[in-house]
Amino acid sequence: LARVGPVVAAGARAGARAAAIQIDPAQIDAAVGAAAPELDPTNTHVAVSREGARGSTVTVRVDYDDVVRVPLVGWLVGGSVRISAAAVMRQEFG
C-alpha cells in the first residue's frame, strides 16, 4: 500500500498538467495512465473540477482502490483500500 501513494500522486500531477492545457477528458485520463502505469485502470477514478476560464484553477483528483494482498491486513481493513491524491494547476486556455 505504501508504494501506491506516490504513484497516485504522480498520476494526479500529470492529469492536472494535461487539464491545464486542454479540456478533453480522454487526454487527461491518458496522461494519468501514462504517469502511473502500475495502476489498474479498472480501479482508477479521475475527476476534474474547473473554477472558470483562463487563469483560474483546475483540480484533478485521482482515486485508486488498491486490492489488499496480505490476509491479516485484508481481514482488518477489507478487500481494498482507497488511496487518493489531488493536484491543482492554473488553466492556460479559455
PDB file of N, CA and C in Angstrom:
ATOM      1  N   LEU A   1       0.808  -1.204   0.000  1.00  0.00           N
ATOM      2  CA  LEU A   1       0.000   0.000   0.000  1.00  0.00           C
ATOM      3  C   LEU A   1       0.848   1.263   0.000  1.00  0.00           C
ATOM      4  N   ALA A   2       1.982   1.223   0.683  1.00  0.00           N
ATOM      5  CA  ALA A   2       2.804   2.427   0.813  1.00  0.00           C
ATOM      6  C   ALA A   2       3.382   2.871  -0.520  1.00  0.00           C
ATOM      7  N   ARG A   3       3.675   1.940  -1.409  1.00  0.00           N
ATOM      8  CA  ARG A   3       4.273   2.322  -2.681  1.00  0.00           C
ATOM      9  C   ARG A   3       3.259   2.914  -3.651  1.00  0.00           C
ATOM     10  N   VAL A   4       1.982   2.663  -3.426  1.00  0.00           N
ATOM     11  CA  VAL A   4       0.954   3.124  -4.352  1.00  0.00           C
ATOM     12  C   VAL A   4       0.668   4.621  -4.189  1.00  0.00           C
ATOM     13  N   GLY A   5       0.805   5.153  -2.982  1.00  0.00           N
ATOM     14  CA  GLY A   5       0.519   6.571  -2.734  1.00  0.00           C
ATOM     15  C   GLY A   5       1.284   7.520  -3.637  1.00  0.00           C
ATOM     16  N   PRO A   6       2.614   7.391  -3.734  1.00  0.00           N
ATOM     17  CA  PRO A   6       3.361   8.280  -4.632  1.00  0.00           C
ATOM     18  C   PRO A   6       2.985   8.105  -6.107  1.00  0.00           C
ATOM     19  N   VAL A   7       2.612   6.909  -6.498  1.00  0.00           N
ATOM     20  CA  VAL A   7       2.208   6.671  -7.885  1.00  0.00           C
ATOM     21  C   VAL A   7       0.877   7.381  -8.169  1.00  0.00           C
ATOM     22  N   VAL A   8      -0.053   7.309  -7.241  1.00  0.00           N
ATOM     23  CA  VAL A   8      -1.337   8.002  -7.392  1.00  0.00           C
ATOM     24  C   VAL A   8      -1.100   9.517  -7.450  1.00  0.00           C
ATOM     25  N   ALA A   9      -0.203  10.028  -6.618  1.00  0.00           N
ATOM     26  CA  ALA A   9       0.117  11.462  -6.625  1.00  0.00           C
ATOM     27  C   ALA A   9       0.738  11.879  -7.958  1.00  0.00           C
ATOM     28  N   ALA A  10       1.611  11.045  -8.500  1.00  0.00           N
ATOM     29  CA  ALA A  10       2.218  11.353  -9.802  1.00  0.00           C
ATOM     30  C   ALA A  10       1.153  11.393 -10.892  1.00  0.00           C
ATOM     31  N   GLY A  11       0.200  10.482 -10.825  1.00  0.00           N
ATOM     32  CA  GLY A  11      -0.898  10.492 -11.783  1.00  0.00           C
ATOM     33  C   GLY A  11      -1.742  11.752 -11.677  1.00  0.00           C
ATOM     34  N   ALA A  12      -2.012  12.193 -10.456  1.00  0.00           N
ATOM     35  CA  ALA A  12      -2.799  13.415 -10.258  1.00  0.00           C
ATOM     36  C   ALA A  12      -2.058  14.633 -10.810  1.00  0.00           C
ATOM     37  N   ARG A  13      -0.746  14.710 -10.571  1.00  0.00           N
ATOM     38  CA  ARG A  13       0.039  15.836 -11.101  1.00  0.00           C
ATOM     39  C   ARG A  13       0.025  15.846 -12.625  1.00  0.00           C
ATOM     40  N   ALA A  14       0.223  14.695 -13.228  1.00  0.00           N
ATOM     41  CA  ALA A  14       0.214  14.615 -14.692  1.00  0.00           C
ATOM     42  C   ALA A  14      -1.161  14.961 -15.253  1.00  0.00           C
ATOM     43  N   GLY A  15      -2.203  14.499 -14.582  1.00  0.00           N
ATOM     44  CA  GLY A  15      -3.554  14.842 -15.003  1.00  0.00           C
ATOM     45  C   GLY A  15      -3.821  16.334 -14.910  1.00  0.00           C
ATOM     46  N   ALA A  16      -3.355  16.969 -13.852  1.00  0.00           N
ATOM     47  CA  ALA A  16      -3.540  18.415 -13.699  1.00  0.00           C
ATOM     48  C   ALA A  16      -2.770  19.186 -14.771  1.00  0.00           C
ATOM     49  N   ARG A  17      -1.557  18.722 -15.100  1.00  0.00           N
ATOM     50  CA  ARG A  17      -0.798  19.366 -16.182  1.00  0.00           C
ATOM     51  C   ARG A  17      -1.564  19.273 -17.495  1.00  0.00           C
ATOM     52  N   ALA A  18      -2.123  18.101 -17.775  1.00  0.00           N
ATOM     53  CA  ALA A  18      -2.897  17.920 -19.006  1.00  0.00           C
ATOM     54  C   ALA A  18      -4.159  18.773 -18.989  1.00  0.00           C
ATOM     55  N   ALA A  19      -4.852  18.805 -17.857  1.00  0.00           N
ATOM     56  CA  ALA A  19      -6.094  19.577 -17.749  1.00  0.00           C
ATOM     57  C   ALA A  19      -5.843  21.074 -17.837  1.00  0.00           C
ATOM     58  N   ALA A  20      -4.641  21.517 -17.497  1.00  0.00           N
ATOM     59  CA  ALA A  20      -4.314  22.943 -17.567  1.00  0.00           C
ATOM     60  C   ALA A  20      -4.241  23.443 -19.001  1.00  0.00           C
ATOM     61  N   ILE A  21      -3.989  22.537 -19.943  1.00  0.00           N
ATOM     62  CA  ILE A  21      -3.819  22.973 -21.330  1.00  0.00           C
ATOM     63  C   ILE A  21      -4.889  22.440 -22.282  1.00  0.00           C
ATOM     64  N   GLN A  22      -5.792  21.597 -21.799  1.00  0.00           N
ATOM     65  CA  GLN A  22      -6.842  21.063 -22.669  1.00  0.00           C
ATOM     66  C   GLN A  22      -8.065  20.665 -21.856  1.00  0.00           C
ATOM     67  N   ILE A  23      -9.163  20.459 -22.553  1.00  0.00           N
ATOM     68  CA  ILE A  23     -10.413  20.129 -21.876  1.00  0.00           C
ATOM     69  C   ILE A  23     -10.845  18.683 -22.109  1.00  0.00           C
ATOM     70  N   ASP A  24     -10.222  17.982 -23.026  1.00  0.00           N
ATOM     71  CA  ASP A  24     -10.626  16.626 -23.414  1.00  0.00           C
ATOM     72  C   ASP A  24     -10.391  15.627 -22.277  1.00  0.00           C
ATOM     73  N   PRO A  25     -11.462  15.051 -21.706  1.00  0.00           N
ATOM     74  CA  PRO A  25     -11.304  14.101 -20.596  1.00  0.00           C
ATOM     75  C   PRO A  25     -10.480  12.869 -20.967  1.00  0.00           C
ATOM     76  N   ALA A  26     -10.576  12.416 -22.210  1.00  0.00           N
ATOM     77  CA  ALA A  26      -9.806  11.238 -22.630  1.00  0.00           C
ATOM     78  C   ALA A  26      -8.304  11.516 -22.577  1.00  0.00           C
ATOM     79  N   GLN A  27      -7.899  12.721 -22.941  1.00  0.00           N
ATOM     80  CA  GLN A  27      -6.487  13.085 -22.893  1.00  0.00           C
ATOM     81  C   GLN A  27      -5.995  13.210 -21.450  1.00  0.00           C
ATOM     82  N   ILE A  28      -6.847  13.698 -20.583  1.00  0.00           N
ATOM     83  CA  ILE A  28      -6.491  13.816 -19.165  1.00  0.00           C
ATOM     84  C   ILE A  28      -6.341  12.421 -18.560  1.00  0.00           C
ATOM     85  N   ASP A  29      -7.287  11.536 -18.854  1.00  0.00           N
ATOM     86  CA  ASP A  29      -7.192  10.152 -18.377  1.00  0.00           C
ATOM     87  C   ASP A  29      -5.930   9.479 -18.917  1.00  0.00           C
ATOM     88  N   ALA A  30      -5.599   9.741 -20.188  1.00  0.00           N
ATOM     89  CA  ALA A  30      -4.400   9.155 -20.789  1.00  0.00           C
ATOM     90  C   ALA A  30      -3.138   9.653 -20.096  1.00  0.00           C
ATOM     91  N   ALA A  31      -3.114  10.922 -19.712  1.00  0.00           N
ATOM     92  CA  ALA A  31      -1.953  11.476 -19.004  1.00  0.00           C
ATOM     93  C   ALA A  31      -1.793  10.818 -17.637  1.00  0.00           C
ATOM     94  N   VAL A  32      -2.904  10.596 -16.950  1.00  0.00           N
ATOM     95  CA  VAL A  32      -2.856   9.911 -15.653  1.00  0.00           C
ATOM     96  C   VAL A  32      -2.313   8.503 -15.841  1.00  0.00           C
ATOM     97  N   GLY A  33      -2.829   7.791 -16.830  1.00  0.00           N
ATOM     98  CA  GLY A  33      -2.394   6.424 -17.087  1.00  0.00           C
ATOM     99  C   GLY A  33      -0.932   6.323 -17.476  1.00  0.00           C
ATOM    100  N   ALA A  34      -0.450   7.295 -18.260  1.00  0.00           N
ATOM    101  CA  ALA A  34       0.960   7.287 -18.677  1.00  0.00           C
ATOM    102  C   ALA A  34       1.894   7.556 -17.504  1.00  0.00           C
ATOM    103  N   ALA A  35       1.461   8.414 -16.581  1.00  0.00           N
ATOM    104  CA  ALA A  35       2.305   8.739 -15.428  1.00  0.00           C
ATOM    105  C   ALA A  35       2.249   7.671 -14.344  1.00  0.00           C
ATOM    106  N   ALA A  36       1.193   6.869 -14.361  1.00  0.00           N
ATOM    107  CA  ALA A  36       1.007   5.844 -13.320  1.00  0.00           C
ATOM    108  C   ALA A  36       0.623   4.510 -13.955  1.00  0.00           C
ATOM    109  N   PRO A  37       1.508   3.937 -14.772  1.00  0.00           N
ATOM    110  CA  PRO A  37       1.144   2.695 -15.468  1.00  0.00           C
ATOM    111  C   PRO A  37       0.958   1.500 -14.530  1.00  0.00           C
ATOM    112  N   GLU A  38       1.437   1.598 -13.302  1.00  0.00           N
ATOM    113  CA  GLU A  38       1.291   0.500 -12.344  1.00  0.00           C
ATOM    114  C   GLU A  38      -0.139   0.345 -11.849  1.00  0.00           C
ATOM    115  N   LEU A  39      -0.953   1.385 -12.021  1.00  0.00           N
ATOM    116  CA  LEU A  39      -2.322   1.356 -11.511  1.00  0.00           C
ATOM    117  C   LEU A  39      -3.247   0.622 -12.474  1.00  0.00           C
ATOM    118  N   ASP A  40      -4.087  -0.223 -11.927  1.00  0.00           N
ATOM    119  CA  ASP A  40      -5.078  -0.938 -12.727  1.00  0.00           C
ATOM    120  C   ASP A  40      -6.154   0.064 -13.167  1.00  0.00           C
ATOM    121  N   PRO A  41      -6.328   0.266 -14.473  1.00  0.00           N
ATOM    122  CA  PRO A  41      -7.305   1.258 -14.945  1.00  0.00           C
ATOM    123  C   PRO A  41      -8.735   0.998 -14.466  1.00  0.00           C
ATOM    124  N   THR A  42      -9.077  -0.263 -14.223  1.00  0.00           N
ATOM    125  CA  THR A  42     -10.440  -0.546 -13.761  1.00  0.00           C
ATOM    126  C   THR A  42     -10.672  -0.110 -12.319  1.00  0.00           C
ATOM    127  N   ASN A  43      -9.590   0.128 -11.570  1.00  0.00           N
ATOM    128  CA  ASN A  43      -9.694   0.573 -10.177  1.00  0.00           C
ATOM    129  C   ASN A  43      -9.321   2.037  -9.997  1.00  0.00           C
ATOM    130  N   THR A  44      -9.094   2.749 -11.112  1.00  0.00           N
ATOM    131  CA  THR A  44      -8.651   4.136 -11.075  1.00  0.00           C
ATOM    132  C   THR A  44      -9.795   5.051 -11.502  1.00  0.00           C
ATOM    133  N   HIS A  45     -10.064   6.080 -10.708  1.00  0.00           N
ATOM    134  CA  HIS A  45     -11.143   7.028 -10.988  1.00  0.00           C
ATOM    135  C   HIS A  45     -10.553   8.437 -11.021  1.00  0.00           C
ATOM    136  N   VAL A  46     -10.805   9.163 -12.109  1.00  0.00           N
ATOM    137  CA  VAL A  46     -10.265  10.508 -12.289  1.00  0.00           C
ATOM    138  C   VAL A  46     -11.422  11.494 -12.322  1.00  0.00           C
ATOM    139  N   ALA A  47     -11.317  12.554 -11.527  1.00  0.00           N
ATOM    140  CA  ALA A  47     -12.328  13.610 -11.506  1.00  0.00           C
ATOM    141  C   ALA A  47     -11.647  14.950 -11.751  1.00  0.00           C
ATOM    142  N   VAL A  48     -12.243  15.757 -12.620  1.00  0.00           N
ATOM    143  CA  VAL A  48     -11.696  17.073 -12.960  1.00  0.00           C
ATOM    144  C   VAL A  48     -12.689  18.137 -12.526  1.00  0.00           C
ATOM    145  N   SER A  49     -12.182  19.157 -11.841  1.00  0.00           N
ATOM    146  CA  SER A  49     -13.018  20.261 -11.379  1.00  0.00           C
ATOM    147  C   SER A  49     -12.377  21.573 -11.838  1.00  0.00           C
ATOM    148  N   ARG A  50     -13.125  22.354 -12.602  1.00  0.00           N
ATOM    149  CA  ARG A  50     -12.621  23.634 -13.114  1.00  0.00           C
ATOM    150  C   ARG A  50     -13.323  24.790 -12.420  1.00  0.00           C
ATOM    151  N   GLU A  51     -12.558  25.825 -12.108  1.00  0.00           N
ATOM    152  CA  GLU A  51     -13.112  27.003 -11.427  1.00  0.00           C
ATOM    153  C   GLU A  51     -13.687  28.029 -12.408  1.00  0.00           C
ATOM    154  N   GLY A  52     -13.156  28.118 -13.607  1.00  0.00           N
ATOM    155  CA  GLY A  52     -13.617  29.135 -14.555  1.00  0.00           C
ATOM    156  C   GLY A  52     -12.805  29.063 -15.831  1.00  0.00           C
ATOM    157  N   ALA A  53     -12.411  30.223 -16.333  1.00  0.00           N
ATOM    158  CA  ALA A  53     -11.692  30.302 -17.609  1.00  0.00           C
ATOM    159  C   ALA A  53     -10.184  30.411 -17.386  1.00  0.00           C
ATOM    160  N   ARG A  54      -9.491  30.904 -18.394  1.00  0.00           N
ATOM    161  CA  ARG A  54      -8.036  31.046 -18.354  1.00  0.00           C
ATOM    162  C   ARG A  54      -7.592  31.799 -17.101  1.00  0.00           C
ATOM    163  N   GLY A  55      -6.561  31.276 -16.472  1.00  0.00           N
ATOM    164  CA  GLY A  55      -6.042  31.878 -15.257  1.00  0.00           C
ATOM    165  C   GLY A  55      -6.647  31.317 -13.987  1.00  0.00           C
ATOM    166  N   SER A  56      -7.793  30.653 -14.109  1.00  0.00           N
ATOM    167  CA  SER A  56      -8.422  30.036 -12.951  1.00  0.00           C
ATOM    168  C   SER A  56      -7.806  28.660 -12.715  1.00  0.00           C
ATOM    169  N   THR A  57      -8.178  28.049 -11.617  1.00  0.00           N
ATOM    170  CA  THR A  57      -7.575  26.763 -11.271  1.00  0.00           C
ATOM    171  C   THR A  57      -8.377  25.593 -11.825  1.00  0.00           C
ATOM    172  N   VAL A  58      -7.661  24.510 -12.029  1.00  0.00           N
ATOM    173  CA  VAL A  58      -8.264  23.222 -12.364  1.00  0.00           C
ATOM    174  C   VAL A  58      -7.687  22.204 -11.387  1.00  0.00           C
ATOM    175  N   THR A  59      -8.559  21.388 -10.825  1.00  0.00           N
ATOM    176  CA  THR A  59      -8.146  20.365  -9.868  1.00  0.00           C
ATOM    177  C   THR A  59      -8.416  18.998 -10.455  1.00  0.00           C
ATOM    178  N   VAL A  60      -7.425  18.136 -10.381  1.00  0.00           N
ATOM    179  CA  VAL A  60      -7.602  16.745 -10.802  1.00  0.00           C
ATOM    180  C   VAL A  60      -7.414  15.867  -9.573  1.00  0.00           C
ATOM    181  N   ARG A  61      -8.400  15.039  -9.325  1.00  0.00           N
ATOM    182  CA  ARG A  61      -8.356  14.107  -8.199  1.00  0.00           C
ATOM    183  C   ARG A  61      -8.334  12.688  -8.754  1.00  0.00           C
ATOM    184  N   VAL A  62      -7.400  11.910  -8.263  1.00  0.00           N
ATOM    185  CA  VAL A  62      -7.294  10.507  -8.663  1.00  0.00           C
ATOM    186  C   VAL A  62      -7.561   9.651  -7.428  1.00  0.00           C
ATOM    187  N   ASP A  63      -8.527   8.763  -7.550  1.00  0.00           N
ATOM    188  CA  ASP A  63      -8.841   7.795  -6.502  1.00  0.00           C
ATOM    189  C   ASP A  63      -8.499   6.416  -7.041  1.00  0.00           C
ATOM    190  N   TYR A  64      -7.793   5.643  -6.230  1.00  0.00           N
ATOM    191  CA  TYR A  64      -7.403   4.294  -6.639  1.00  0.00           C
ATOM    192  C   TYR A  64      -7.782   3.309  -5.550  1.00  0.00           C
ATOM    193  N   ASP A  65      -8.516   2.285  -5.929  1.00  0.00           N
ATOM    194  CA  ASP A  65      -8.907   1.235  -4.994  1.00  0.00           C
ATOM    195  C   ASP A  65      -7.871   0.121  -5.088  1.00  0.00           C
ATOM    196  N   ASP A  66      -6.941   0.098  -4.121  1.00  0.00           N
ATOM    197  CA  ASP A  66      -5.864  -0.881  -4.112  1.00  0.00           C
ATOM    198  C   ASP A  66      -6.324  -2.149  -3.402  1.00  0.00           C
ATOM    199  N   VAL A  67      -6.183  -3.258  -4.078  1.00  0.00           N
ATOM    200  CA  VAL A  67      -6.586  -4.544  -3.512  1.00  0.00           C
ATOM    201  C   VAL A  67      -5.564  -4.964  -2.458  1.00  0.00           C
ATOM    202  N   VAL A  68      -6.047  -5.321  -1.275  1.00  0.00           N
ATOM    203  CA  VAL A  68      -5.183  -5.757  -0.179  1.00  0.00           C
ATOM    204  C   VAL A  68      -4.795  -7.208  -0.427  1.00  0.00           C
ATOM    205  N   ARG A  69      -3.491  -7.471  -0.441  1.00  0.00           N
ATOM    206  CA  ARG A  69      -2.998  -8.810  -0.758  1.00  0.00           C
ATOM    207  C   ARG A  69      -2.481  -9.573   0.467  1.00  0.00           C
ATOM    208  N   VAL A  70      -2.430  -8.917   1.616  1.00  0.00           N
ATOM    209  CA  VAL A  70      -1.957  -9.553   2.843  1.00  0.00           C
ATOM    210  C   VAL A  70      -3.187  -9.998   3.631  1.00  0.00           C
ATOM    211  N   PRO A  71      -3.325 -11.297   3.896  1.00  0.00           N
ATOM    212  CA  PRO A  71      -4.568 -11.803   4.508  1.00  0.00           C
ATOM    213  C   PRO A  71      -4.970 -11.122   5.814  1.00  0.00           C
ATOM    214  N   LEU A  72      -4.066 -10.952   6.741  1.00  0.00           N
ATOM    215  CA  LEU A  72      -4.427 -10.354   8.026  1.00  0.00           C
ATOM    216  C   LEU A  72      -4.853  -8.896   7.853  1.00  0.00           C
ATOM    217  N   VAL A  73      -4.116  -8.148   7.044  1.00  0.00           N
ATOM    218  CA  VAL A  73      -4.473  -6.746   6.805  1.00  0.00           C
ATOM    219  C   VAL A  73      -5.822  -6.674   6.092  1.00  0.00           C
ATOM    220  N   GLY A  74      -6.039  -7.560   5.124  1.00  0.00           N
ATOM    221  CA  GLY A  74      -7.321  -7.589   4.431  1.00  0.00           C
ATOM    222  C   GLY A  74      -8.476  -7.866   5.378  1.00  0.00           C
ATOM    223  N   TRP A  75      -8.250  -8.712   6.350  1.00  0.00           N
ATOM    224  CA  TRP A  75      -9.275  -9.000   7.345  1.00  0.00           C
ATOM    225  C   TRP A  75      -9.587  -7.763   8.184  1.00  0.00           C
ATOM    226  N   LEU A  76      -8.564  -6.949   8.466  1.00  0.00           N
ATOM    227  CA  LEU A  76      -8.751  -5.761   9.304  1.00  0.00           C
ATOM    228  C   LEU A  76      -9.401  -4.603   8.556  1.00  0.00           C
ATOM    229  N   VAL A  77      -8.994  -4.373   7.308  1.00  0.00           N
ATOM    230  CA  VAL A  77      -9.452  -3.177   6.592  1.00  0.00           C
ATOM    231  C   VAL A  77     -10.410  -3.476   5.445  1.00  0.00           C
ATOM    232  N   GLY A  78     -10.608  -4.722   5.111  1.00  0.00           N
ATOM    233  CA  GLY A  78     -11.487  -5.074   3.994  1.00  0.00           C
ATOM    234  C   GLY A  78     -10.686  -5.479   2.769  1.00  0.00           C
ATOM    235  N   GLY A  79     -11.382  -5.718   1.683  1.00  0.00           N
ATOM    236  CA  GLY A  79     -10.748  -6.219   0.475  1.00  0.00           C
ATOM    237  C   GLY A  79      -9.922  -5.213  -0.287  1.00  0.00           C
ATOM    238  N   SER A  80     -10.210  -3.919  -0.085  1.00  0.00           N
ATOM    239  CA  SER A  80      -9.435  -2.890  -0.787  1.00  0.00           C
ATOM    240  C   SER A  80      -9.366  -1.625   0.061  1.00  0.00           C
ATOM    241  N   VAL A  81      -8.402  -0.803  -0.285  1.00  0.00           N
ATOM    242  CA  VAL A  81      -8.205   0.475   0.398  1.00  0.00           C
ATOM    243  C   VAL A  81      -8.179   1.564  -0.666  1.00  0.00           C
ATOM    244  N   ARG A  82      -8.941   2.637  -0.457  1.00  0.00           N
ATOM    245  CA  ARG A  82      -8.956   3.749  -1.410  1.00  0.00           C
ATOM    246  C   ARG A  82      -7.813   4.704  -1.085  1.00  0.00           C
ATOM    247  N   ILE A  83      -6.997   4.957  -2.087  1.00  0.00           N
ATOM    248  CA  ILE A  83      -5.884   5.896  -1.974  1.00  0.00           C
ATOM    249  C   ILE A  83      -6.180   7.049  -2.922  1.00  0.00           C
ATOM    250  N   SER A  84      -6.102   8.275  -2.420  1.00  0.00           N
ATOM    251  CA  SER A  84      -6.482   9.447  -3.196  1.00  0.00           C
ATOM    252  C   SER A  84      -5.366  10.478  -3.208  1.00  0.00           C
ATOM    253  N   ALA A  85      -5.323  11.237  -4.296  1.00  0.00           N
ATOM    254  CA  ALA A  85      -4.407  12.372  -4.408  1.00  0.00           C
ATOM    255  C   ALA A  85      -5.050  13.399  -5.325  1.00  0.00           C
ATOM    256  N   ALA A  86      -4.747  14.656  -5.084  1.00  0.00           N
ATOM    257  CA  ALA A  86      -5.276  15.726  -5.915  1.00  0.00           C
ATOM    258  C   ALA A  86      -4.149  16.703  -6.228  1.00  0.00           C
ATOM    259  N   ALA A  87      -4.253  17.333  -7.387  1.00  0.00           N
ATOM    260  CA  ALA A  87      -3.279  18.361  -7.791  1.00  0.00           C
ATOM    261  C   ALA A  87      -4.053  19.516  -8.416  1.00  0.00           C
ATOM    262  N   VAL A  88      -3.570  20.721  -8.178  1.00  0.00           N
ATOM    263  CA  VAL A  88      -4.213  21.934  -8.672  1.00  0.00           C
ATOM    264  C   VAL A  88      -3.207  22.706  -9.528  1.00  0.00           C
ATOM    265  N   MET A  89      -3.668  23.150 -10.695  1.00  0.00           N
ATOM    266  CA  MET A  89      -2.835  23.978 -11.573  1.00  0.00           C
ATOM    267  C   MET A  89      -3.692  25.069 -12.182  1.00  0.00           C
ATOM    268  N   ARG A  90      -3.014  26.066 -12.753  1.00  0.00           N
ATOM    269  CA  ARG A  90      -3.703  27.183 -13.390  1.00  0.00           C
ATOM    270  C   ARG A  90      -3.988  26.835 -14.843  1.00  0.00           C
ATOM    271  N   GLN A  91      -5.226  27.106 -15.299  1.00  0.00           N
ATOM    272  CA  GLN A  91      -5.606  26.837 -16.679  1.00  0.00           C
ATOM    273  C   GLN A  91      -4.909  27.808 -17.619  1.00  0.00           C
ATOM    274  N   GLU A  92      -4.400  27.287 -18.706  1.00  0.00           N
ATOM    275  CA  GLU A  92      -3.671  28.102 -19.683  1.00  0.00           C
ATOM    276  C   GLU A  92      -4.474  28.367 -20.936  1.00  0.00           C
ATOM    277  N   PHE A  93      -5.743  28.027 -20.948  1.00  0.00           N
ATOM    278  CA  PHE A  93      -6.585  28.269 -22.115  1.00  0.00           C
ATOM    279  C   PHE A  93      -7.944  28.763 -21.639  1.00  0.00           C
ATOM    280  N   GLY A  94      -8.767  29.170 -22.593  1.00  0.00           N
ATOM    281  CA  GLY A  94     -10.131  29.539 -22.243  1.00  0.00           C
ATOM    282  C   GLY A  94     -10.449  30.981 -22.410  1.00  0.00           C
TER     283      GLY A  94
END
